[in-house]
C-alpha atoms as a PDB file:
ATOM      1  CA  MET A   1      50.890 154.089 136.815  1.00  0.00           C
ATOM      2  CA  ASN A   2      51.312 157.511 138.381  1.00  0.00           C
ATOM      3  CA  LYS A   3      55.090 157.095 138.651  1.00  0.00           C
ATOM      4  CA  CYS A   4      55.317 156.052 135.017  1.00  0.00           C
ATOM      5  CA  ARG A   5      53.349 159.107 133.884  1.00  0.00           C
ATOM      6  CA  ASN A   6      55.460 161.427 136.044  1.00  0.00           C
ATOM      7  CA  LEU A   7      58.643 159.919 134.634  1.00  0.00           C
ATOM      8  CA  LEU A   8      57.327 160.336 131.098  1.00  0.00           C
ATOM      9  CA  VAL A   9      56.469 164.004 131.731  1.00  0.00           C
ATOM     10  CA  LEU A  10      59.908 164.596 133.259  1.00  0.00           C
ATOM     11  CA  CYS A  11      61.641 162.995 130.268  1.00  0.00           C
ATOM     12  CA  ALA A  12      59.566 165.082 127.849  1.00  0.00           C
ATOM     13  CA  CYS A  13      60.475 168.288 129.700  1.00  0.00           C
ATOM     14  CA  LEU A  14      64.172 167.418 129.713  1.00  0.00           C
ATOM     15  CA  TRP A  15      64.031 166.581 126.010  1.00  0.00           C
ATOM     16  CA  LEU A  16      62.419 169.941 125.200  1.00  0.00           C
ATOM     17  CA  LEU A  17      64.968 171.812 127.306  1.00  0.00           C
ATOM     18  CA  GLY A  18      67.757 169.949 125.529  1.00  0.00           C
ATOM     19  CA  CYS A  19      66.409 170.941 122.122  1.00  0.00           C
ATOM     20  CA  ASN A  20      66.269 174.594 123.102  1.00  0.00           C
ATOM     21  CA  THR A  21      69.792 174.428 124.502  1.00  0.00           C
ATOM     22  CA  ILE A  22      71.212 172.863 121.327  1.00  0.00           C
ATOM     23  CA  HIS A  23      69.317 175.371 119.167  1.00  0.00           C
ATOM     24  CA  GLY A  24      70.726 178.268 121.178  1.00  0.00           C
ATOM     25  CA  MET A  25      74.219 176.836 120.954  1.00  0.00           C
ATOM     26  CA  GLY A  26      73.837 176.571 117.178  1.00  0.00           C
ATOM     27  CA  ARG A  27      72.949 180.246 116.959  1.00  0.00           C
ATOM     28  CA  ASP A  28      75.964 181.161 119.101  1.00  0.00           C
ATOM     29  CA  VAL A  29      78.316 179.115 116.922  1.00  0.00           C
ATOM     30  CA  GLU A  30      76.823 180.651 113.775  1.00  0.00           C
ATOM     31  CA  LYS A  31      77.316 184.160 115.164  1.00  0.00           C
ATOM     32  CA  ALA A  32      80.929 183.359 116.086  1.00  0.00           C
ATOM     33  CA  GLY A  33      81.511 182.113 112.536  1.00  0.00           C
ATOM     34  CA  GLU A  34      80.131 185.342 111.114  1.00  0.00           C
ATOM     35  CA  VAL A  35      82.472 187.376 113.326  1.00  0.00           C
ATOM     36  CA  ILE A  36      85.450 185.320 112.141  1.00  0.00           C
ATOM     37  CA  GLN A  37      84.420 185.758 108.495  1.00  0.00           C
ATOM     38  CA  ASN A  38      84.024 189.505 108.895  1.00  0.00           C
ATOM     39  CA  SER A  39      87.409 189.766 110.619  1.00  0.00           C
ATOM     40  CA  SER A  40      88.993 187.749 107.829  1.00  0.00           C
ATOM     41  CA  LYS A  41      87.474 189.975 105.142  1.00  0.00           C
ATOM     42  CA  LEU A  42      88.612 193.097 106.988  1.00  0.00           C
ATOM     43  CA  ALA A  43      92.151 191.744 107.353  1.00  0.00           C
ATOM     44  CA  ASP A  44      92.229 190.815 103.661  1.00  0.00           C
ATOM     45  CA  GLU A  45      91.069 194.290 102.614  1.00  0.00           C
ATOM     46  CA  THR A  46      93.602 195.938 104.922  1.00  0.00           C
ATOM     47  CA  ALA A  47      96.446 193.824 103.511  1.00  0.00           C
ATOM     48  CA  ARG A  48      95.766 194.988  99.950  1.00  0.00           C
END
Protein backbone atom coordinates (compact mmCIF):
# COMPACT_ATOMS: atom_id res chain seq x y z
CA MET A 1 0.00 0.00 0.00
CA ASN A 2 2.81 2.38 0.88
CA LYS A 3 4.62 1.71 -2.41
CA CYS A 4 1.44 2.34 -4.38
CA ARG A 5 0.86 5.67 -2.63
CA ASN A 6 4.48 6.72 -3.17
CA LEU A 7 4.25 5.83 -6.85
CA LEU A 8 1.02 7.79 -7.17
CA VAL A 9 2.60 10.86 -5.53
CA LEU A 10 5.64 10.57 -7.80
CA CYS A 11 3.45 10.34 -10.90
CA ALA A 12 1.42 13.37 -9.79
CA CYS A 13 4.59 15.41 -9.25
CA LEU A 14 5.98 14.45 -12.65
CA TRP A 15 2.66 15.30 -14.29
CA LEU A 16 2.62 18.75 -12.67
CA LEU A 17 6.22 19.40 -13.69
CA GLY A 18 5.38 18.36 -17.24
CA CYS A 19 2.46 20.80 -17.38
CA ASN A 20 4.64 23.67 -16.23
CA THR A 21 7.32 22.75 -18.75
CA ILE A 22 4.85 22.64 -21.66
CA HIS A 23 3.28 25.93 -20.52
CA GLY A 24 6.69 27.60 -20.40
CA MET A 25 7.56 26.24 -23.82
CA GLY A 26 4.31 27.65 -25.19
CA ARG A 27 5.20 31.10 -23.89
CA ASP A 28 8.66 30.85 -25.47
CA VAL A 29 7.22 29.84 -28.84
CA GLU A 30 4.66 32.66 -28.65
CA LYS A 31 7.40 35.19 -27.90
CA ALA A 32 9.49 33.90 -30.81
CA GLY A 33 6.47 34.29 -33.09
CA GLU A 34 6.00 37.88 -31.97
CA VAL A 35 9.66 38.64 -32.73
CA ILE A 36 9.29 37.16 -36.22
CA GLN A 37 6.11 39.18 -36.83
CA ASN A 38 7.75 42.40 -35.69
CA SER A 39 10.79 41.73 -37.88
CA SER A 40 8.52 41.05 -40.84
CA LYS A 41 6.59 44.28 -40.31
CA LEU A 42 9.84 46.24 -39.99
CA ALA A 43 11.23 44.70 -43.18
CA ASP A 44 7.99 45.46 -45.02
CA GLU A 45 8.02 49.09 -43.88
CA THR A 46 11.68 49.46 -44.84
CA ALA A 47 11.05 48.03 -48.32
CA ARG A 48 8.40 50.65 -49.09
